[in-house]
Amino acid sequence: MRGLVHASLAQPLPVETAGVIIGPYGVECSGLRALAIREFLGEYVSFVPDPVGHELLRSPGYLLERIRDVGYASGDCDDVAILGASLGMAVGLPARFVLLGFARDLPFTHIYTELWTSEGWAELDTTAPDPVPPGVYVWKSERIPV
């Protein structure tokens, strides 16, 4: 996932798109830049789980091409996390992935991105249900710098 993010920073479409997203906010307020990226993800990327038994990772370039060509893109939490980290890092915000596990002895099953702003870490989790269903408990979490 980190590789996809870092590779995207050398591609025009993710870098240019990030600039357009945060354009009205410039470089003055990193919190507003993170919020603008979160709103973009929520508006243009719809959650669709990977096929059972398969783990797909869509690149930021692919997702942004879909948004440009058809007006939206689909992906699961790792796709949104990769795109969010790419867009944030393209405008100078450090990023980290947050992995969550909902069962003590099972692998992590959810991931999202946080961006470092002048106000602290801003989460970009647009694929979590809102509200979280009753009885769902996070048993483990890990934060990994991008």
N, C-alpha and C. Protein backbone atom coordinates (compact mmCIF):
# COMPACT_ATOMS: atom_id res chain seq x y z
N MET A 1 0.82 -1.19 0.00
CA MET A 1 0.00 0.00 0.00
C MET A 1 0.87 1.26 0.00
N ARG A 2 1.91 1.24 0.83
CA ARG A 2 2.81 2.39 0.85
C ARG A 2 3.41 2.64 -0.53
N GLY A 3 3.77 1.54 -1.21
CA GLY A 3 4.37 1.66 -2.54
C GLY A 3 3.44 2.35 -3.52
N LEU A 4 2.15 2.02 -3.47
CA LEU A 4 1.19 2.67 -4.35
C LEU A 4 1.09 4.17 -4.05
N VAL A 5 1.11 4.50 -2.77
CA VAL A 5 1.03 5.92 -2.39
C VAL A 5 2.25 6.66 -2.90
N HIS A 6 3.43 6.14 -2.61
CA HIS A 6 4.66 6.85 -2.99
C HIS A 6 4.81 6.92 -4.52
N ALA A 7 4.43 5.87 -5.23
CA ALA A 7 4.49 5.91 -6.69
C ALA A 7 3.55 6.97 -7.24
N SER A 8 2.40 7.16 -6.61
CA SER A 8 1.43 8.13 -7.11
C SER A 8 1.93 9.57 -6.99
N LEU A 9 2.86 9.80 -6.08
CA LEU A 9 3.36 11.16 -5.88
C LEU A 9 4.23 11.63 -7.04
N ALA A 10 4.61 10.71 -7.92
CA ALA A 10 5.38 11.05 -9.12
C ALA A 10 4.49 11.11 -10.35
N GLN A 11 3.18 10.97 -10.16
CA GLN A 11 2.24 10.98 -11.29
C GLN A 11 1.45 12.28 -11.29
N PRO A 12 1.21 12.85 -12.46
CA PRO A 12 0.52 14.14 -12.52
C PRO A 12 -0.91 14.13 -11.97
N LEU A 13 -1.70 13.13 -12.29
CA LEU A 13 -3.12 13.18 -11.93
C LEU A 13 -3.34 13.27 -10.42
N PRO A 14 -2.74 12.43 -9.59
CA PRO A 14 -2.95 12.58 -8.14
C PRO A 14 -2.45 13.93 -7.60
N VAL A 15 -1.31 14.37 -8.07
CA VAL A 15 -0.75 15.63 -7.57
C VAL A 15 -1.62 16.81 -7.99
N GLU A 16 -2.03 16.84 -9.25
CA GLU A 16 -2.87 17.93 -9.74
C GLU A 16 -4.24 17.91 -9.08
N THR A 17 -4.82 16.72 -8.90
CA THR A 17 -6.13 16.61 -8.26
C THR A 17 -6.07 17.12 -6.82
N ALA A 18 -5.02 16.74 -6.11
CA ALA A 18 -4.86 17.20 -4.72
C ALA A 18 -4.81 18.73 -4.67
N GLY A 19 -4.10 19.33 -5.61
CA GLY A 19 -4.02 20.78 -5.65
C GLY A 19 -5.37 21.44 -5.90
N VAL A 20 -6.16 20.84 -6.77
CA VAL A 20 -7.50 21.37 -7.05
C VAL A 20 -8.40 21.23 -5.82
N ILE A 21 -8.33 20.08 -5.14
CA ILE A 21 -9.17 19.84 -3.96
C ILE A 21 -8.91 20.87 -2.89
N ILE A 22 -7.64 21.17 -2.62
CA ILE A 22 -7.33 22.08 -1.52
C ILE A 22 -7.17 23.52 -2.00
N GLY A 23 -7.34 23.76 -3.29
CA GLY A 23 -7.14 25.09 -3.87
C GLY A 23 -7.74 26.24 -3.08
N PRO A 24 -9.01 26.17 -2.69
CA PRO A 24 -9.61 27.30 -1.96
C PRO A 24 -8.95 27.56 -0.60
N TYR A 25 -8.24 26.58 -0.05
CA TYR A 25 -7.69 26.71 1.30
C TYR A 25 -6.20 27.04 1.30
N GLY A 26 -5.55 26.92 0.14
CA GLY A 26 -4.13 27.22 0.06
C GLY A 26 -3.33 26.43 1.07
N VAL A 27 -2.26 27.02 1.53
CA VAL A 27 -1.39 26.32 2.47
C VAL A 27 -1.55 26.83 3.90
N GLU A 28 -2.46 27.76 4.10
CA GLU A 28 -2.58 28.39 5.41
C GLU A 28 -3.11 27.45 6.49
N CYS A 29 -4.11 26.67 6.19
CA CYS A 29 -4.73 25.85 7.24
C CYS A 29 -4.72 24.38 6.85
N SER A 30 -3.83 23.63 7.47
CA SER A 30 -3.72 22.21 7.14
C SER A 30 -4.97 21.44 7.55
N GLY A 31 -5.66 21.89 8.60
CA GLY A 31 -6.89 21.22 9.01
C GLY A 31 -7.97 21.31 7.94
N LEU A 32 -8.08 22.46 7.30
CA LEU A 32 -9.05 22.61 6.22
C LEU A 32 -8.66 21.81 4.99
N ARG A 33 -7.35 21.69 4.73
CA ARG A 33 -6.91 20.87 3.61
C ARG A 33 -7.30 19.41 3.84
N ALA A 34 -7.08 18.91 5.06
CA ALA A 34 -7.46 17.53 5.38
C ALA A 34 -8.97 17.34 5.27
N LEU A 35 -9.74 18.31 5.74
CA LEU A 35 -11.20 18.23 5.66
C LEU A 35 -11.66 18.22 4.20
N ALA A 36 -11.04 19.03 3.36
CA ALA A 36 -11.41 19.05 1.95
C ALA A 36 -11.13 17.70 1.29
N ILE A 37 -10.03 17.07 1.63
CA ILE A 37 -9.70 15.75 1.09
C ILE A 37 -10.71 14.72 1.58
N ARG A 38 -11.07 14.78 2.86
CA ARG A 38 -12.07 13.84 3.40
C ARG A 38 -13.40 14.00 2.69
N GLU A 39 -13.82 15.24 2.48
CA GLU A 39 -15.09 15.48 1.78
C GLU A 39 -15.04 14.97 0.34
N PHE A 40 -13.91 15.15 -0.33
CA PHE A 40 -13.74 14.63 -1.69
C PHE A 40 -13.91 13.11 -1.69
N LEU A 41 -13.25 12.42 -0.76
CA LEU A 41 -13.35 10.96 -0.69
C LEU A 41 -14.80 10.53 -0.46
N GLY A 42 -15.47 11.20 0.47
CA GLY A 42 -16.85 10.85 0.78
C GLY A 42 -17.80 11.09 -0.38
N GLU A 43 -17.52 12.11 -1.16
CA GLU A 43 -18.41 12.45 -2.27
C GLU A 43 -18.18 11.59 -3.51
N TYR A 44 -16.92 11.23 -3.80
CA TYR A 44 -16.61 10.61 -5.08
C TYR A 44 -16.23 9.14 -5.04
N VAL A 45 -16.03 8.56 -3.86
CA VAL A 45 -15.66 7.15 -3.78
C VAL A 45 -16.71 6.40 -2.98
N SER A 46 -17.37 5.44 -3.63
CA SER A 46 -18.39 4.65 -2.93
C SER A 46 -17.78 3.31 -2.50
N PHE A 47 -18.23 2.85 -1.34
CA PHE A 47 -17.70 1.61 -0.79
C PHE A 47 -18.29 0.41 -1.52
N VAL A 48 -17.40 -0.45 -2.01
CA VAL A 48 -17.77 -1.73 -2.59
C VAL A 48 -16.73 -2.73 -2.09
N PRO A 49 -17.16 -3.79 -1.40
CA PRO A 49 -16.18 -4.75 -0.89
C PRO A 49 -15.50 -5.50 -2.03
N ASP A 50 -14.29 -5.98 -1.75
CA ASP A 50 -13.60 -6.84 -2.71
C ASP A 50 -14.37 -8.14 -2.88
N PRO A 51 -14.21 -8.82 -4.00
CA PRO A 51 -14.83 -10.13 -4.17
C PRO A 51 -14.34 -11.09 -3.07
N VAL A 52 -15.20 -11.97 -2.63
CA VAL A 52 -14.85 -12.92 -1.58
C VAL A 52 -13.62 -13.72 -2.01
N GLY A 53 -12.66 -13.78 -1.10
CA GLY A 53 -11.45 -14.55 -1.36
C GLY A 53 -10.37 -13.80 -2.12
N HIS A 54 -10.60 -12.53 -2.43
CA HIS A 54 -9.63 -11.74 -3.19
C HIS A 54 -9.36 -10.43 -2.48
N GLU A 55 -8.13 -9.98 -2.53
CA GLU A 55 -7.76 -8.67 -2.00
C GLU A 55 -7.25 -7.82 -3.15
N LEU A 56 -8.03 -6.83 -3.55
CA LEU A 56 -7.67 -5.95 -4.64
C LEU A 56 -7.15 -4.63 -4.07
N LEU A 57 -6.14 -4.09 -4.68
CA LEU A 57 -5.63 -2.77 -4.32
C LEU A 57 -5.66 -1.90 -5.57
N ARG A 58 -6.48 -0.86 -5.52
CA ARG A 58 -6.61 0.04 -6.66
C ARG A 58 -5.68 1.24 -6.44
N SER A 59 -4.97 1.64 -7.46
CA SER A 59 -4.03 2.75 -7.34
C SER A 59 -4.78 4.08 -7.30
N PRO A 60 -4.17 5.10 -6.72
CA PRO A 60 -4.79 6.43 -6.75
C PRO A 60 -5.07 6.89 -8.19
N GLY A 61 -4.13 6.64 -9.08
CA GLY A 61 -4.33 7.04 -10.47
C GLY A 61 -5.56 6.39 -11.08
N TYR A 62 -5.74 5.09 -10.82
CA TYR A 62 -6.91 4.39 -11.36
C TYR A 62 -8.20 4.99 -10.81
N LEU A 63 -8.26 5.19 -9.49
CA LEU A 63 -9.48 5.73 -8.89
C LEU A 63 -9.78 7.14 -9.42
N LEU A 64 -8.75 7.96 -9.54
CA LEU A 64 -8.96 9.32 -10.03
C LEU A 64 -9.35 9.35 -11.51
N GLU A 65 -8.84 8.42 -12.30
CA GLU A 65 -9.28 8.32 -13.70
C GLU A 65 -10.76 7.96 -13.77
N ARG A 66 -11.20 7.03 -12.92
CA ARG A 66 -12.63 6.66 -12.88
C ARG A 66 -13.48 7.87 -12.50
N ILE A 67 -13.03 8.61 -11.49
CA ILE A 67 -13.78 9.80 -11.07
C ILE A 67 -13.85 10.80 -12.22
N ARG A 68 -12.74 11.01 -12.89
CA ARG A 68 -12.71 11.95 -14.02
C ARG A 68 -13.61 11.48 -15.16
N ASP A 69 -13.57 10.17 -15.45
CA ASP A 69 -14.29 9.66 -16.63
C ASP A 69 -15.77 9.40 -16.39
N VAL A 70 -16.15 8.91 -15.21
CA VAL A 70 -17.56 8.56 -14.98
C VAL A 70 -18.18 9.28 -13.79
N GLY A 71 -17.40 10.09 -13.07
CA GLY A 71 -17.95 10.88 -11.99
C GLY A 71 -17.87 10.25 -10.61
N TYR A 72 -17.40 9.03 -10.52
CA TYR A 72 -17.25 8.37 -9.21
C TYR A 72 -16.32 7.18 -9.38
N ALA A 73 -15.87 6.65 -8.26
CA ALA A 73 -15.07 5.42 -8.25
C ALA A 73 -15.60 4.54 -7.13
N SER A 74 -15.32 3.26 -7.22
CA SER A 74 -15.72 2.31 -6.18
C SER A 74 -14.49 1.61 -5.64
N GLY A 75 -14.52 1.32 -4.35
CA GLY A 75 -13.43 0.60 -3.74
C GLY A 75 -13.75 0.29 -2.30
N ASP A 76 -12.87 -0.49 -1.68
CA ASP A 76 -13.08 -0.80 -0.27
C ASP A 76 -12.20 0.09 0.58
N CYS A 77 -12.11 -0.22 1.87
CA CYS A 77 -11.41 0.68 2.79
C CYS A 77 -9.94 0.87 2.44
N ASP A 78 -9.27 -0.18 1.96
CA ASP A 78 -7.85 0.01 1.64
C ASP A 78 -7.67 0.90 0.42
N ASP A 79 -8.58 0.85 -0.53
CA ASP A 79 -8.50 1.73 -1.70
C ASP A 79 -8.66 3.20 -1.29
N VAL A 80 -9.62 3.47 -0.42
CA VAL A 80 -9.85 4.83 0.05
C VAL A 80 -8.66 5.29 0.90
N ALA A 81 -8.10 4.40 1.70
CA ALA A 81 -6.94 4.75 2.53
C ALA A 81 -5.75 5.13 1.65
N ILE A 82 -5.51 4.36 0.62
CA ILE A 82 -4.40 4.64 -0.30
C ILE A 82 -4.62 5.99 -0.99
N LEU A 83 -5.82 6.22 -1.50
CA LEU A 83 -6.10 7.48 -2.18
C LEU A 83 -6.00 8.66 -1.22
N GLY A 84 -6.53 8.52 -0.02
CA GLY A 84 -6.46 9.61 0.96
C GLY A 84 -5.03 9.95 1.33
N ALA A 85 -4.20 8.94 1.54
CA ALA A 85 -2.79 9.18 1.86
C ALA A 85 -2.09 9.86 0.70
N SER A 86 -2.38 9.43 -0.51
CA SER A 86 -1.77 10.01 -1.70
C SER A 86 -2.12 11.49 -1.83
N LEU A 87 -3.40 11.81 -1.71
CA LEU A 87 -3.84 13.20 -1.85
C LEU A 87 -3.26 14.07 -0.75
N GLY A 88 -3.26 13.56 0.48
CA GLY A 88 -2.71 14.33 1.59
C GLY A 88 -1.23 14.58 1.44
N MET A 89 -0.48 13.54 1.11
CA MET A 89 0.96 13.69 0.97
C MET A 89 1.31 14.59 -0.22
N ALA A 90 0.47 14.59 -1.25
CA ALA A 90 0.71 15.44 -2.41
C ALA A 90 0.64 16.92 -2.07
N VAL A 91 -0.07 17.25 -0.99
CA VAL A 91 -0.14 18.65 -0.56
C VAL A 91 0.67 18.89 0.72
N GLY A 92 1.57 17.97 1.02
CA GLY A 92 2.52 18.18 2.11
C GLY A 92 2.08 17.76 3.49
N LEU A 93 1.00 16.98 3.60
CA LEU A 93 0.55 16.52 4.90
C LEU A 93 1.08 15.10 5.17
N PRO A 94 1.82 14.90 6.25
CA PRO A 94 2.25 13.54 6.58
C PRO A 94 1.03 12.64 6.79
N ALA A 95 1.17 11.37 6.42
CA ALA A 95 0.05 10.43 6.50
C ALA A 95 0.46 9.17 7.25
N ARG A 96 -0.54 8.54 7.85
CA ARG A 96 -0.34 7.22 8.44
C ARG A 96 -1.60 6.40 8.24
N PHE A 97 -1.40 5.09 8.15
CA PHE A 97 -2.52 4.16 8.06
C PHE A 97 -2.89 3.71 9.47
N VAL A 98 -4.18 3.58 9.71
CA VAL A 98 -4.68 3.05 10.98
C VAL A 98 -5.38 1.74 10.66
N LEU A 99 -4.86 0.65 11.22
CA LEU A 99 -5.45 -0.68 11.03
C LEU A 99 -6.27 -1.03 12.26
N LEU A 100 -7.44 -1.61 12.03
CA LEU A 100 -8.32 -2.01 13.12
C LEU A 100 -8.66 -3.48 13.01
N GLY A 101 -8.74 -4.13 14.15
CA GLY A 101 -9.18 -5.52 14.23
C GLY A 101 -10.37 -5.60 15.16
N PHE A 102 -11.40 -6.31 14.74
CA PHE A 102 -12.63 -6.38 15.51
C PHE A 102 -12.81 -7.71 16.23
N ALA A 103 -11.78 -8.55 16.15
CA ALA A 103 -11.78 -9.82 16.90
C ALA A 103 -10.36 -10.03 17.42
N ARG A 104 -10.27 -10.53 18.62
CA ARG A 104 -8.99 -10.65 19.30
C ARG A 104 -7.96 -11.48 18.53
N ASP A 105 -8.38 -12.60 17.97
CA ASP A 105 -7.43 -13.54 17.37
C ASP A 105 -7.48 -13.58 15.84
N LEU A 106 -8.15 -12.61 15.23
CA LEU A 106 -8.24 -12.58 13.78
C LEU A 106 -7.41 -11.42 13.23
N PRO A 107 -7.12 -11.44 11.93
CA PRO A 107 -6.32 -10.35 11.35
C PRO A 107 -7.07 -9.02 11.38
N PHE A 108 -6.33 -7.96 11.11
CA PHE A 108 -6.95 -6.65 10.96
C PHE A 108 -7.94 -6.71 9.80
N THR A 109 -9.08 -6.04 9.94
CA THR A 109 -10.10 -6.11 8.90
C THR A 109 -10.53 -4.75 8.37
N HIS A 110 -9.98 -3.66 8.92
CA HIS A 110 -10.36 -2.33 8.44
C HIS A 110 -9.13 -1.44 8.50
N ILE A 111 -9.06 -0.50 7.55
CA ILE A 111 -7.95 0.44 7.50
C ILE A 111 -8.46 1.79 7.03
N TYR A 112 -7.87 2.84 7.56
CA TYR A 112 -8.14 4.18 7.06
C TYR A 112 -6.88 5.02 7.22
N THR A 113 -6.93 6.23 6.70
CA THR A 113 -5.79 7.13 6.74
C THR A 113 -6.05 8.27 7.70
N GLU A 114 -4.99 8.70 8.37
CA GLU A 114 -4.99 9.94 9.13
C GLU A 114 -3.92 10.85 8.53
N LEU A 115 -4.22 12.15 8.49
CA LEU A 115 -3.28 13.16 8.00
C LEU A 115 -2.90 14.07 9.15
N TRP A 116 -1.62 14.41 9.24
CA TRP A 116 -1.15 15.29 10.31
C TRP A 116 -1.42 16.74 9.92
N THR A 117 -2.11 17.45 10.80
CA THR A 117 -2.44 18.85 10.59
C THR A 117 -1.95 19.65 11.79
N SER A 118 -2.08 20.95 11.69
CA SER A 118 -1.69 21.80 12.82
C SER A 118 -2.57 21.57 14.05
N GLU A 119 -3.72 20.94 13.85
CA GLU A 119 -4.63 20.63 14.96
C GLU A 119 -4.45 19.20 15.47
N GLY A 120 -3.55 18.42 14.87
CA GLY A 120 -3.37 17.02 15.26
C GLY A 120 -3.73 16.11 14.09
N TRP A 121 -3.92 14.83 14.39
CA TRP A 121 -4.25 13.85 13.34
C TRP A 121 -5.71 13.97 12.94
N ALA A 122 -5.95 14.09 11.63
CA ALA A 122 -7.31 14.18 11.08
C ALA A 122 -7.62 12.86 10.38
N GLU A 123 -8.71 12.21 10.77
CA GLU A 123 -9.04 10.91 10.17
C GLU A 123 -9.86 11.10 8.90
N LEU A 124 -9.60 10.19 7.94
CA LEU A 124 -10.27 10.22 6.65
C LEU A 124 -11.13 8.98 6.44
N ASP A 125 -11.70 8.43 7.48
CA ASP A 125 -12.43 7.18 7.37
C ASP A 125 -13.84 7.42 6.83
N THR A 126 -13.98 7.31 5.51
CA THR A 126 -15.28 7.51 4.88
C THR A 126 -15.98 6.19 4.56
N THR A 127 -15.38 5.06 4.93
CA THR A 127 -15.99 3.76 4.61
C THR A 127 -16.57 3.07 5.84
N ALA A 128 -16.40 3.64 7.02
CA ALA A 128 -16.96 3.03 8.23
C ALA A 128 -18.44 3.35 8.30
N PRO A 129 -19.24 2.43 8.82
CA PRO A 129 -20.67 2.72 8.96
C PRO A 129 -20.89 3.83 9.99
N ASP A 130 -21.88 4.65 9.74
CA ASP A 130 -22.19 5.73 10.66
C ASP A 130 -23.67 5.69 10.98
N PRO A 131 -24.07 5.37 12.16
CA PRO A 131 -23.22 5.08 13.31
C PRO A 131 -22.69 3.65 13.26
N VAL A 132 -21.66 3.41 14.07
CA VAL A 132 -21.10 2.07 14.18
C VAL A 132 -22.16 1.18 14.84
N PRO A 133 -22.41 0.00 14.28
CA PRO A 133 -23.44 -0.88 14.86
C PRO A 133 -23.16 -1.21 16.32
N PRO A 134 -24.23 -1.37 17.11
CA PRO A 134 -24.04 -1.72 18.52
C PRO A 134 -23.28 -3.05 18.65
N GLY A 135 -22.45 -3.13 19.65
CA GLY A 135 -21.71 -4.36 19.90
C GLY A 135 -20.40 -4.49 19.13
N VAL A 136 -20.12 -3.55 18.23
CA VAL A 136 -18.85 -3.60 17.50
C VAL A 136 -17.79 -2.97 18.39
N TYR A 137 -16.74 -3.71 18.62
CA TYR A 137 -15.67 -3.25 19.50
C TYR A 137 -14.33 -3.44 18.80
N VAL A 138 -13.47 -2.44 18.89
CA VAL A 138 -12.14 -2.55 18.32
C VAL A 138 -11.24 -3.24 19.33
N TRP A 139 -10.79 -4.45 18.97
CA TRP A 139 -9.94 -5.23 19.87
C TRP A 139 -8.47 -4.85 19.73
N LYS A 140 -8.09 -4.42 18.55
CA LYS A 140 -6.69 -4.05 18.36
C LYS A 140 -6.59 -3.01 17.27
N SER A 141 -5.56 -2.16 17.40
CA SER A 141 -5.31 -1.16 16.38
C SER A 141 -3.80 -0.95 16.27
N GLU A 142 -3.40 -0.50 15.11
CA GLU A 142 -1.99 -0.22 14.85
C GLU A 142 -1.91 0.96 13.91
N ARG A 143 -0.95 1.82 14.14
CA ARG A 143 -0.73 2.99 13.29
C ARG A 143 0.61 2.84 12.60
N ILE A 144 0.62 3.00 11.26
CA ILE A 144 1.81 2.77 10.47
C ILE A 144 2.06 4.00 9.60
N PRO A 145 3.21 4.65 9.76
CA PRO A 145 3.51 5.81 8.90
C PRO A 145 3.56 5.39 7.43
N VAL A 146 3.07 6.28 6.57
CA VAL A 146 3.15 6.02 5.14
C VAL A 146 4.46 6.55 4.66
